[in-house]
PDB file of N, CA and C in Angstrom:
ATOM      1  N   MET A   1      -4.462  -6.830  -7.269  1.00  0.00           N
ATOM      2  CA  MET A   1      -3.717  -6.558  -6.052  1.00  0.00           C
ATOM      3  C   MET A   1      -2.771  -5.378  -6.279  1.00  0.00           C
ATOM      4  N   TYR A   2      -2.496  -4.688  -5.195  1.00  0.00           N
ATOM      5  CA  TYR A   2      -1.614  -3.527  -5.231  1.00  0.00           C
ATOM      6  C   TYR A   2      -0.542  -3.686  -4.161  1.00  0.00           C
ATOM      7  N   VAL A   3       0.662  -3.249  -4.485  1.00  0.00           N
ATOM      8  CA  VAL A   3       1.763  -3.247  -3.528  1.00  0.00           C
ATOM      9  C   VAL A   3       2.392  -1.860  -3.531  1.00  0.00           C
ATOM     10  N   ILE A   4       3.119  -1.575  -2.479  1.00  0.00           N
ATOM     11  CA  ILE A   4       3.819  -0.298  -2.358  1.00  0.00           C
ATOM     12  C   ILE A   4       5.310  -0.583  -2.370  1.00  0.00           C
ATOM     13  N   LEU A   5       6.014   0.029  -3.311  1.00  0.00           N
ATOM     14  CA  LEU A   5       7.467  -0.099  -3.379  1.00  0.00           C
ATOM     15  C   LEU A   5       8.075   1.121  -2.696  1.00  0.00           C
ATOM     16  N   THR A   6       9.136   0.894  -1.945  1.00  0.00           N
ATOM     17  CA  THR A   6       9.776   1.959  -1.176  1.00  0.00           C
ATOM     18  C   THR A   6      11.221   2.129  -1.618  1.00  0.00           C
ATOM     19  N   SER A   7      11.626   3.379  -1.788  1.00  0.00           N
ATOM     20  CA  SER A   7      13.026   3.713  -2.062  1.00  0.00           C
ATOM     21  C   SER A   7      13.466   4.747  -1.038  1.00  0.00           C
ATOM     22  N   ARG A   8      14.716   4.653  -0.615  1.00  0.00           N
ATOM     23  CA  ARG A   8      15.292   5.643   0.294  1.00  0.00           C
ATOM     24  C   ARG A   8      16.487   6.272  -0.420  1.00  0.00           C
ATOM     25  N   PRO A   9      16.336   7.533  -0.862  1.00  0.00           N
ATOM     26  CA  PRO A   9      17.408   8.191  -1.610  1.00  0.00           C
ATOM     27  C   PRO A   9      18.750   8.118  -0.874  1.00  0.00           C
ATOM     28  N   GLY A  10      19.775   7.709  -1.624  1.00  0.00           N
ATOM     29  CA  GLY A  10      21.111   7.582  -1.063  1.00  0.00           C
ATOM     30  C   GLY A  10      21.381   6.228  -0.430  1.00  0.00           C
ATOM     31  N   GLU A  11      20.341   5.417  -0.233  1.00  0.00           N
ATOM     32  CA  GLU A  11      20.500   4.098   0.376  1.00  0.00           C
ATOM     33  C   GLU A  11      20.161   2.978  -0.595  1.00  0.00           C
ATOM     34  N   TYR A  12      18.913   2.975  -1.074  1.00  0.00           N
ATOM     35  CA  TYR A  12      18.491   1.938  -2.009  1.00  0.00           C
ATOM     36  C   TYR A  12      17.282   2.427  -2.787  1.00  0.00           C
ATOM     37  N   ARG A  13      17.016   1.758  -3.901  1.00  0.00           N
ATOM     38  CA  ARG A  13      15.806   2.041  -4.672  1.00  0.00           C
ATOM     39  C   ARG A  13      15.187   0.718  -5.088  1.00  0.00           C
ATOM     40  N   THR A  14      13.885   0.742  -5.273  1.00  0.00           N
ATOM     41  CA  THR A  14      13.176  -0.448  -5.740  1.00  0.00           C
ATOM     42  C   THR A  14      12.599  -0.148  -7.111  1.00  0.00           C
ATOM     43  N   GLU A  15      12.572  -1.171  -7.936  1.00  0.00           N
ATOM     44  CA  GLU A  15      12.030  -1.033  -9.285  1.00  0.00           C
ATOM     45  C   GLU A  15      11.092  -2.199  -9.550  1.00  0.00           C
ATOM     46  N   PRO A  16       9.926  -1.900 -10.147  1.00  0.00           N
ATOM     47  CA  PRO A  16       8.974  -2.981 -10.422  1.00  0.00           C
ATOM     48  C   PRO A  16       9.525  -3.956 -11.462  1.00  0.00           C
ATOM     49  N   GLY A  17       9.100  -5.195 -11.331  1.00  0.00           N
ATOM     50  CA  GLY A  17       9.498  -6.220 -12.286  1.00  0.00           C
ATOM     51  C   GLY A  17       8.411  -6.459 -13.310  1.00  0.00           C
ATOM     52  N   GLU A  18       8.491  -7.609 -13.947  1.00  0.00           N
ATOM     53  CA  GLU A  18       7.499  -7.990 -14.951  1.00  0.00           C
ATOM     54  C   GLU A  18       6.122  -8.113 -14.311  1.00  0.00           C
ATOM     55  N   HIS A  19       5.110  -7.866 -15.121  1.00  0.00           N
ATOM     56  CA  HIS A  19       3.717  -8.013 -14.704  1.00  0.00           C
ATOM     57  C   HIS A  19       3.316  -7.014 -13.625  1.00  0.00           C
ATOM     58  N   MET A  20       4.010  -5.878 -13.570  1.00  0.00           N
ATOM     59  CA  MET A  20       3.708  -4.835 -12.600  1.00  0.00           C
ATOM     60  C   MET A  20       3.521  -3.518 -13.344  1.00  0.00           C
ATOM     61  N   GLU A  21       2.577  -2.718 -12.886  1.00  0.00           N
ATOM     62  CA  GLU A  21       2.269  -1.435 -13.514  1.00  0.00           C
ATOM     63  C   GLU A  21       2.320  -0.333 -12.455  1.00  0.00           C
ATOM     64  N   SER A  22       3.269   0.597 -12.603  1.00  0.00           N
ATOM     65  CA  SER A  22       3.392   1.717 -11.673  1.00  0.00           C
ATOM     66  C   SER A  22       2.250   2.694 -11.899  1.00  0.00           C
ATOM     67  N   LEU A  23       1.538   3.041 -10.834  1.00  0.00           N
ATOM     68  CA  LEU A  23       0.374   3.910 -10.970  1.00  0.00           C
ATOM     69  C   LEU A  23       0.566   5.284 -10.337  1.00  0.00           C
ATOM     70  N   GLU A  24       1.086   5.330  -9.121  1.00  0.00           N
ATOM     71  CA  GLU A  24       1.236   6.602  -8.408  1.00  0.00           C
ATOM     72  C   GLU A  24       2.589   6.673  -7.730  1.00  0.00           C
ATOM     73  N   PHE A  25       3.171   7.878  -7.763  1.00  0.00           N
ATOM     74  CA  PHE A  25       4.470   8.132  -7.151  1.00  0.00           C
ATOM     75  C   PHE A  25       4.272   9.138  -6.021  1.00  0.00           C
ATOM     76  N   TRP A  26       4.886   8.878  -4.858  1.00  0.00           N
ATOM     77  CA  TRP A  26       4.723   9.719  -3.682  1.00  0.00           C
ATOM     78  C   TRP A  26       6.081  10.010  -3.045  1.00  0.00           C
ATOM     79  N   ASP A  27       6.233  11.242  -2.551  1.00  0.00           N
ATOM     80  CA  ASP A  27       7.422  11.628  -1.784  1.00  0.00           C
ATOM     81  C   ASP A  27       7.031  11.779  -0.319  1.00  0.00           C
ATOM     82  N   TYR A  28       7.859  11.247   0.559  1.00  0.00           N
ATOM     83  CA  TYR A  28       7.640  11.352   1.993  1.00  0.00           C
ATOM     84  C   TYR A  28       8.736  12.230   2.573  1.00  0.00           C
ATOM     85  N   ARG A  29       8.328  13.324   3.179  1.00  0.00           N
ATOM     86  CA  ARG A  29       9.273  14.249   3.810  1.00  0.00           C
ATOM     87  C   ARG A  29       9.021  14.281   5.303  1.00  0.00           C
ATOM     88  N   LEU A  30      10.107  14.227   6.050  1.00  0.00           N
ATOM     89  CA  LEU A  30      10.053  14.325   7.502  1.00  0.00           C
ATOM     90  C   LEU A  30      10.913  15.510   7.906  1.00  0.00           C
ATOM     91  N   GLU A  31      10.296  16.460   8.617  1.00  0.00           N
ATOM     92  CA  GLU A  31      10.989  17.687   9.009  1.00  0.00           C
ATOM     93  C   GLU A  31      11.594  18.387   7.787  1.00  0.00           C
ATOM     94  N   GLY A  32      10.881  18.351   6.654  1.00  0.00           N
ATOM     95  CA  GLY A  32      11.295  19.041   5.436  1.00  0.00           C
ATOM     96  C   GLY A  32      12.303  18.297   4.578  1.00  0.00           C
ATOM     97  N   ARG A  33      12.800  17.174   5.037  1.00  0.00           N
ATOM     98  CA  ARG A  33      13.832  16.428   4.298  1.00  0.00           C
ATOM     99  C   ARG A  33      13.209  15.194   3.638  1.00  0.00           C
ATOM    100  N   LEU A  34      13.534  14.981   2.360  1.00  0.00           N
ATOM    101  CA  LEU A  34      13.040  13.805   1.645  1.00  0.00           C
ATOM    102  C   LEU A  34      13.633  12.554   2.282  1.00  0.00           C
ATOM    103  N   ARG A  35      12.763  11.714   2.834  1.00  0.00           N
ATOM    104  CA  ARG A  35      13.213  10.508   3.514  1.00  0.00           C
ATOM    105  C   ARG A  35      12.950   9.241   2.715  1.00  0.00           C
ATOM    106  N   ALA A  36      11.859   9.252   1.937  1.00  0.00           N
ATOM    107  CA  ALA A  36      11.510   8.048   1.180  1.00  0.00           C
ATOM    108  C   ALA A  36      10.662   8.439  -0.018  1.00  0.00           C
ATOM    109  N   GLN A  37      10.668   7.556  -0.994  1.00  0.00           N
ATOM    110  CA  GLN A  37       9.798   7.691  -2.158  1.00  0.00           C
ATOM    111  C   GLN A  37       9.044   6.380  -2.306  1.00  0.00           C
ATOM    112  N   PHE A  38       7.746   6.504  -2.576  1.00  0.00           N
ATOM    113  CA  PHE A  38       6.890   5.336  -2.691  1.00  0.00           C
ATOM    114  C   PHE A  38       6.269   5.293  -4.076  1.00  0.00           C
ATOM    115  N   VAL A  39       6.027   4.086  -4.545  1.00  0.00           N
ATOM    116  CA  VAL A  39       5.305   3.875  -5.792  1.00  0.00           C
ATOM    117  C   VAL A  39       4.219   2.841  -5.510  1.00  0.00           C
ATOM    118  N   ILE A  40       2.976   3.204  -5.831  1.00  0.00           N
ATOM    119  CA  ILE A  40       1.888   2.231  -5.756  1.00  0.00           C
ATOM    120  C   ILE A  40       1.857   1.517  -7.100  1.00  0.00           C
ATOM    121  N   VAL A  41       1.910   0.198  -7.024  1.00  0.00           N
ATOM    122  CA  VAL A  41       2.039  -0.640  -8.215  1.00  0.00           C
ATOM    123  C   VAL A  41       0.877  -1.629  -8.260  1.00  0.00           C
ATOM    124  N   ARG A  42       0.297  -1.793  -9.442  1.00  0.00           N
ATOM    125  CA  ARG A  42      -0.700  -2.850  -9.647  1.00  0.00           C
ATOM    126  C   ARG A  42       0.054  -4.118 -10.014  1.00  0.00           C
ATOM    127  N   LEU A  43      -0.244  -5.164  -9.297  1.00  0.00           N
ATOM    128  CA  LEU A  43       0.407  -6.456  -9.509  1.00  0.00           C
ATOM    129  C   LEU A  43      -0.556  -7.333 -10.288  1.00  0.00           C
ATOM    130  N   HIS A  44      -0.181  -7.635 -11.533  1.00  0.00           N
ATOM    131  CA  HIS A  44      -1.051  -8.440 -12.388  1.00  0.00           C
ATOM    132  C   HIS A  44      -0.865  -9.935 -12.158  1.00  0.00           C
ATOM    133  N   GLU A  45       0.310 -10.333 -11.734  1.00  0.00           N
ATOM    134  CA  GLU A  45       0.580 -11.712 -11.325  1.00  0.00           C
ATOM    135  C   GLU A  45       1.885 -11.717 -10.558  1.00  0.00           C
ATOM    136  N   ALA A  46       2.185 -12.818  -9.908  1.00  0.00           N
ATOM    137  CA  ALA A  46       3.405 -12.910  -9.103  1.00  0.00           C
ATOM    138  C   ALA A  46       4.621 -12.501  -9.927  1.00  0.00           C
ATOM    139  N   SER A  47       5.516 -11.800  -9.281  1.00  0.00           N
ATOM    140  CA  SER A  47       6.686 -11.268  -9.971  1.00  0.00           C
ATOM    141  C   SER A  47       7.808 -11.098  -8.956  1.00  0.00           C
ATOM    142  N   ARG A  48       8.815 -10.349  -9.368  1.00  0.00           N
ATOM    143  CA  ARG A  48       9.934 -10.014  -8.479  1.00  0.00           C
ATOM    144  C   ARG A  48      10.218  -8.524  -8.595  1.00  0.00           C
ATOM    145  N   VAL A  49      10.607  -7.932  -7.480  1.00  0.00           N
ATOM    146  CA  VAL A  49      10.960  -6.523  -7.414  1.00  0.00           C
ATOM    147  C   VAL A  49      12.474  -6.428  -7.296  1.00  0.00           C
ATOM    148  N   GLN A  50      13.076  -5.517  -8.036  1.00  0.00           N
ATOM    149  CA  GLN A  50      14.515  -5.285  -7.919  1.00  0.00           C
ATOM    150  C   GLN A  50      14.762  -4.317  -6.766  1.00  0.00           C
ATOM    151  N   VAL A  51      15.657  -4.688  -5.872  1.00  0.00           N
ATOM    152  CA  VAL A  51      16.105  -3.801  -4.796  1.00  0.00           C
ATOM    153  C   VAL A  51      17.576  -3.537  -5.066  1.00  0.00           C
ATOM    154  N   ILE A  52      17.888  -2.269  -5.353  1.00  0.00           N
ATOM    155  CA  ILE A  52      19.229  -1.896  -5.781  1.00  0.00           C
ATOM    156  C   ILE A  52      19.851  -0.984  -4.728  1.00  0.00           C
ATOM    157  N   GLU A  53      20.921  -1.446  -4.100  1.00  0.00           N
ATOM    158  CA  GLU A  53      21.640  -0.632  -3.125  1.00  0.00           C
ATOM    159  C   GLU A  53      22.438   0.421  -3.870  1.00  0.00           C
ATOM    160  N   GLU A  54      22.391   1.656  -3.385  1.00  0.00           N
ATOM    161  CA  GLU A  54      23.116   2.739  -4.033  1.00  0.00           C
ATOM    162  C   GLU A  54      24.484   2.904  -3.389  1.00  0.00           C
ATOM    163  N   GLY A  55      25.389   3.535  -4.101  1.00  0.00           N
ATOM    164  CA  GLY A  55      26.717   3.792  -3.569  1.00  0.00           C
ATOM    165  C   GLY A  55      27.722   2.764  -4.045  1.00  0.00           C
ATOM    166  N   VAL A  56      28.953   2.968  -3.596  1.00  0.00           N
ATOM    167  CA  VAL A  56      30.060   2.106  -3.991  1.00  0.00           C
ATOM    168  C   VAL A  56      29.808   0.683  -3.496  1.00  0.00           C
ATOM    169  N   GLY A  57      29.960  -0.276  -4.386  1.00  0.00           N
ATOM    170  CA  GLY A  57      29.803  -1.679  -4.025  1.00  0.00           C
ATOM    171  C   GLY A  57      28.366  -2.110  -3.805  1.00  0.00           C
ATOM    172  N   GLY A  58      27.425  -1.285  -4.237  1.00  0.00           N
ATOM    173  CA  GLY A  58      26.016  -1.622  -4.069  1.00  0.00           C
ATOM    174  C   GLY A  58      25.654  -2.895  -4.806  1.00  0.00           C
ATOM    175  N   SER A  59      24.704  -3.603  -4.288  1.00  0.00           N
ATOM    176  CA  SER A  59      24.293  -4.852  -4.921  1.00  0.00           C
ATOM    177  C   SER A  59      22.836  -4.760  -5.359  1.00  0.00           C
ATOM    178  N   MET A  60      22.396  -5.773  -6.107  1.00  0.00           N
ATOM    179  CA  MET A  60      21.023  -5.821  -6.583  1.00  0.00           C
ATOM    180  C   MET A  60      20.451  -7.174  -6.184  1.00  0.00           C
ATOM    181  N   ASN A  61      19.243  -7.144  -5.621  1.00  0.00           N
ATOM    182  CA  ASN A  61      18.547  -8.361  -5.244  1.00  0.00           C
ATOM    183  C   ASN A  61      17.182  -8.386  -5.904  1.00  0.00           C
ATOM    184  N   LEU A  62      16.686  -9.570  -6.176  1.00  0.00           N
ATOM    185  CA  LEU A  62      15.335  -9.752  -6.683  1.00  0.00           C
ATOM    186  C   LEU A  62      14.491 -10.339  -5.559  1.00  0.00           C
ATOM    187  N   VAL A  63      13.453  -9.606  -5.172  1.00  0.00           N
ATOM    188  CA  VAL A  63      12.598 -10.020  -4.061  1.00  0.00           C
ATOM    189  C   VAL A  63      11.244 -10.454  -4.617  1.00  0.00           C
ATOM    190  N   PRO A  64      10.820 -11.685  -4.335  1.00  0.00           N
ATOM    191  CA  PRO A  64       9.508 -12.133  -4.811  1.00  0.00           C
ATOM    192  C   PRO A  64       8.384 -11.296  -4.188  1.00  0.00           C
ATOM    193  N   THR A  65       7.375 -11.002  -4.974  1.00  0.00           N
ATOM    194  CA  THR A  65       6.263 -10.180  -4.492  1.00  0.00           C
ATOM    195  C   THR A  65       5.462 -10.883  -3.399  1.00  0.00           C
ATOM    196  N   ARG A  66       5.627 -12.171  -3.232  1.00  0.00           N
ATOM    197  CA  ARG A  66       4.890 -12.857  -2.162  1.00  0.00           C
ATOM    198  C   ARG A  66       5.303 -12.349  -0.779  1.00  0.00           C
ATOM    199  N   PHE A  67       6.476 -11.695  -0.685  1.00  0.00           N
ATOM    200  CA  PHE A  67       6.942 -11.166   0.586  1.00  0.00           C
ATOM    201  C   PHE A  67       6.442  -9.742   0.856  1.00  0.00           C
ATOM    202  N   LEU A  68       5.771  -9.133  -0.111  1.00  0.00           N
ATOM    203  CA  LEU A  68       5.295  -7.761   0.048  1.00  0.00           C
ATOM    204  C   LEU A  68       3.868  -7.737   0.571  1.00  0.00           C
ATOM    205  N   GLU A  69       3.559  -6.722   1.366  1.00  0.00           N
ATOM    206  CA  GLU A  69       2.187  -6.530   1.823  1.00  0.00           C
ATOM    207  C   GLU A  69       1.329  -6.159   0.622  1.00  0.00           C
ATOM    208  N   LYS A  70       0.200  -6.814   0.504  1.00  0.00           N
ATOM    209  CA  LYS A  70      -0.687  -6.573  -0.636  1.00  0.00           C
ATOM    210  C   LYS A  70      -1.950  -5.878  -0.169  1.00  0.00           C
ATOM    211  N   HIS A  71      -2.490  -5.049  -1.044  1.00  0.00           N
ATOM    212  CA  HIS A  71      -3.703  -4.296  -0.767  1.00  0.00           C
ATOM    213  C   HIS A  71      -4.728  -4.638  -1.849  1.00  0.00           C
ATOM    214  N   ALA A  72      -5.979  -4.791  -1.449  1.00  0.00           N
ATOM    215  CA  ALA A  72      -7.030  -5.204  -2.371  1.00  0.00           C
ATOM    216  C   ALA A  72      -7.400  -4.121  -3.376  1.00  0.00           C
ATOM    217  N   SER A  73      -7.169  -2.849  -3.027  1.00  0.00           N
ATOM    218  CA  SER A  73      -7.539  -1.745  -3.913  1.00  0.00           C
ATOM    219  C   SER A  73      -6.493  -0.644  -3.829  1.00  0.00           C
ATOM    220  N   ILE A  74      -6.531   0.243  -4.811  1.00  0.00           N
ATOM    221  CA  ILE A  74      -5.601   1.377  -4.778  1.00  0.00           C
ATOM    222  C   ILE A  74      -5.938   2.288  -3.596  1.00  0.00           C
ATOM    223  N   GLU A  75      -7.216   2.364  -3.234  1.00  0.00           N
ATOM    224  CA  GLU A  75      -7.622   3.169  -2.087  1.00  0.00           C
ATOM    225  C   GLU A  75      -7.013   2.617  -0.794  1.00  0.00           C
ATOM    226  N   ALA A  76      -6.967   1.302  -0.663  1.00  0.00           N
ATOM    227  CA  ALA A  76      -6.363   0.677   0.514  1.00  0.00           C
ATOM    228  C   ALA A  76      -4.861   0.944   0.556  1.00  0.00           C
ATOM    229  N   ALA A  77      -4.212   0.930  -0.596  1.00  0.00           N
ATOM    230  CA  ALA A  77      -2.774   1.247  -0.656  1.00  0.00           C
ATOM    231  C   ALA A  77      -2.540   2.701  -0.261  1.00  0.00           C
ATOM    232  N   ARG A  78      -3.386   3.608  -0.742  1.00  0.00           N
ATOM    233  CA  ARG A  78      -3.264   5.024  -0.355  1.00  0.00           C
ATOM    234  C   ARG A  78      -3.460   5.201   1.148  1.00  0.00           C
ATOM    235  N   ALA A  79      -4.423   4.480   1.716  1.00  0.00           N
ATOM    236  CA  ALA A  79      -4.675   4.573   3.159  1.00  0.00           C
ATOM    237  C   ALA A  79      -3.455   4.096   3.952  1.00  0.00           C
ATOM    238  N   ALA A  80      -2.795   3.052   3.477  1.00  0.00           N
ATOM    239  CA  ALA A  80      -1.584   2.561   4.139  1.00  0.00           C
ATOM    240  C   ALA A  80      -0.481   3.617   4.088  1.00  0.00           C
ATOM    241  N   LEU A  81      -0.337   4.292   2.955  1.00  0.00           N
ATOM    242  CA  LEU A  81       0.655   5.366   2.842  1.00  0.00           C
ATOM    243  C   LEU A  81       0.321   6.526   3.773  1.00  0.00           C
ATOM    244  N   THR A  82      -0.929   6.894   3.836  1.00  0.00           N
ATOM    245  CA  THR A  82      -1.352   7.985   4.709  1.00  0.00           C
ATOM    246  C   THR A  82      -1.031   7.655   6.169  1.00  0.00           C
ATOM    247  N   ALA A  83      -1.247   6.413   6.552  1.00  0.00           N
ATOM    248  CA  ALA A  83      -0.919   5.997   7.919  1.00  0.00           C
ATOM    249  C   ALA A  83       0.573   6.137   8.194  1.00  0.00           C
ATOM    250  N   LEU A  84       1.411   5.860   7.195  1.00  0.00           N
ATOM    251  CA  LEU A  84       2.859   6.017   7.355  1.00  0.00           C
ATOM    252  C   LEU A  84       3.249   7.473   7.577  1.00  0.00           C
ATOM    253  N   ALA A  85       2.527   8.387   6.956  1.00  0.00           N
ATOM    254  CA  ALA A  85       2.871   9.806   7.030  1.00  0.00           C
ATOM    255  C   ALA A  85       2.483  10.422   8.368  1.00  0.00           C
ATOM    256  N   ARG A  86       1.693   9.743   9.160  1.00  0.00           N
ATOM    257  CA  ARG A  86       1.325  10.243  10.490  1.00  0.00           C
ATOM    258  C   ARG A  86       2.347   9.739  11.489  1.00  0.00           C
ATOM    259  N   PHE A  87       3.276  10.580  11.814  1.00  0.00           N
ATOM    260  CA  PHE A  87       4.379  10.190  12.690  1.00  0.00           C
ATOM    261  C   PHE A  87       4.366  11.073  13.921  1.00  0.00           C
ATOM    262  N   GLY A  88       3.437  10.809  14.828  1.00  0.00           N
ATOM    263  CA  GLY A  88       3.337  11.592  16.059  1.00  0.00           C
ATOM    264  C   GLY A  88       3.109  13.064  15.763  1.00  0.00           C
ATOM    265  N   THR A  89       3.867  13.915  16.436  1.00  0.00           N
ATOM    266  CA  THR A  89       3.724  15.363  16.253  1.00  0.00           C
ATOM    267  C   THR A  89       4.787  15.934  15.325  1.00  0.00           C
ATOM    268  N   LEU A  90       5.603  15.073  14.726  1.00  0.00           N
ATOM    269  CA  LEU A  90       6.650  15.553  13.825  1.00  0.00           C
ATOM    270  C   LEU A  90       6.039  16.072  12.529  1.00  0.00           C
ATOM    271  N   ASP A  91       6.767  16.947  11.868  1.00  0.00           N
ATOM    272  CA  ASP A  91       6.335  17.529  10.601  1.00  0.00           C
ATOM    273  C   ASP A  91       6.605  16.534   9.472  1.00  0.00           C
ATOM    274  N   ALA A  92       5.607  15.713   9.156  1.00  0.00           N
ATOM    275  CA  ALA A  92       5.734  14.710   8.104  1.00  0.00           C
ATOM    276  C   ALA A  92       4.686  14.987   7.035  1.00  0.00           C
ATOM    277  N   THR A  93       5.114  14.930   5.760  1.00  0.00           N
ATOM    278  CA  THR A  93       4.186  15.159   4.652  1.00  0.00           C
ATOM    279  C   THR A  93       4.354  14.074   3.600  1.00  0.00           C
ATOM    280  N   LEU A  94       3.258  13.811   2.921  1.00  0.00           N
ATOM    281  CA  LEU A  94       3.231  12.858   1.822  1.00  0.00           C
ATOM    282  C   LEU A  94       2.665  13.602   0.629  1.00  0.00           C
ATOM    283  N   THR A  95       3.448  13.702  -0.448  1.00  0.00           N
ATOM    284  CA  THR A  95       3.055  14.491  -1.609  1.00  0.00           C
ATOM    285  C   THR A  95       3.108  13.628  -2.862  1.00  0.00           C
ATOM    286  N   ARG A  96       2.022  13.663  -3.619  1.00  0.00           N
ATOM    287  CA  ARG A  96       1.967  12.889  -4.858  1.00  0.00           C
ATOM    288  C   ARG A  96       2.743  13.613  -5.960  1.00  0.00           C
ATOM    289  N   ARG A  97       3.509  12.830  -6.731  1.00  0.00           N
ATOM    290  CA  ARG A  97       4.243  13.346  -7.881  1.00  0.00           C
ATOM    291  C   ARG A  97       3.574  12.873  -9.156  1.00  0.00           C
ATOM    292  N   GLU A  98       3.814  13.584 -10.245  1.00  0.00           N
ATOM    293  CA  GLU A  98       3.301  13.183 -11.557  1.00  0.00           C
ATOM    294  C   GLU A  98       3.975  11.879 -11.980  1.00  0.00           C
ATOM    295  N   VAL A  99       3.204  10.981 -12.558  1.00  0.00           N
ATOM    296  CA  VAL A  99       3.724   9.696 -13.015  1.00  0.00           C
ATOM    297  C   VAL A  99       4.382   9.865 -14.375  1.00  0.00           C
ATOM    298  N   PRO A 100       5.678   9.505 -14.514  1.00  0.00           N
ATOM    299  CA  PRO A 100       6.313   9.548 -15.827  1.00  0.00           C
ATOM    300  C   PRO A 100       5.570   8.629 -16.801  1.00  0.00           C
ATOM    301  N   THR A 101       5.342   9.082 -18.012  1.00  0.00           N
ATOM    302  CA  THR A 101       4.579   8.332 -18.999  1.00  0.00           C
ATOM    303  C   THR A 101       5.150   6.933 -19.236  1.00  0.00           C
ATOM    304  N   GLN A 102       6.456   6.804 -19.363  1.00  0.00           N
ATOM    305  CA  GLN A 102       7.053   5.505 -19.650  1.00  0.00           C
ATOM    306  C   GLN A 102       6.922   4.545 -18.468  1.00  0.00           C
ATOM    307  N   SER A 103       6.673   5.025 -17.271  1.00  0.00           N
ATOM    308  CA  SER A 103       6.561   4.158 -16.108  1.00  0.00           C
ATOM    309  C   SER A 103       5.192   3.511 -16.000  1.00  0.00           C
ATOM    310  N   ARG A 104       4.224   4.003 -16.726  1.00  0.00           N
ATOM    311  CA  ARG A 104       2.874   3.471 -16.611  1.00  0.00           C
ATOM    312  C   ARG A 104       2.732   2.100 -17.268  1.00  0.00           C
ATOM    313  N   SER A 105       3.507   1.845 -18.302  1.00  0.00           N
ATOM    314  CA  SER A 105       3.299   0.614 -19.068  1.00  0.00           C
ATOM    315  C   SER A 105       3.757  -0.607 -18.277  1.00  0.00           C
ATOM    316  N   LEU A 106       3.154  -1.717 -18.597  1.00  0.00           N
ATOM    317  CA  LEU A 106       3.496  -2.981 -17.967  1.00  0.00           C
ATOM    318  C   LEU A 106       4.840  -3.482 -18.500  1.00  0.00           C
ATOM    319  N   ALA A 107       5.698  -3.901 -17.608  1.00  0.00           N
ATOM    320  CA  ALA A 107       6.941  -4.548 -18.048  1.00  0.00           C
ATOM    321  C   ALA A 107       6.585  -5.968 -18.454  1.00  0.00           C
ATOM    322  N   THR A 108       6.938  -6.341 -19.647  1.00  0.00           N
ATOM    323  CA  THR A 108       6.649  -7.691 -20.124  1.00  0.00           C
ATOM    324  C   THR A 108       7.912  -8.330 -20.655  1.00  0.00           C
ATOM    325  N   PRO A 109       7.957  -9.660 -20.643  1.00  0.00           N
ATOM    326  CA  PRO A 109       9.160 -10.354 -21.122  1.00  0.00           C
ATOM    327  C   PRO A 109       9.392 -10.141 -22.600  1.00  0.00           C
TER     328      PRO A 109
END
């Protein structure tokens, strides 16, 4: 199974938990401004995702992966991202970034 983690710069970021492997990183720009960053993650078994609020007094929550939309294949996850990037007639782009080497490995206990 694959899930998509979303971060909004300046607001919050998500980080994969145990039993998750980050595969692809994507930037979403609307009207030239970075609005969101996505990570396609392979889910090896049920886990929790960290959602970290940025800024003063930010908090951290652990969200079970059962609440995330799951995709049967990486191609299906990419198709879901592509659908997000189509925002009417506005100038929206989705650009893949290079995956940091240390992010590829599975987080294990």
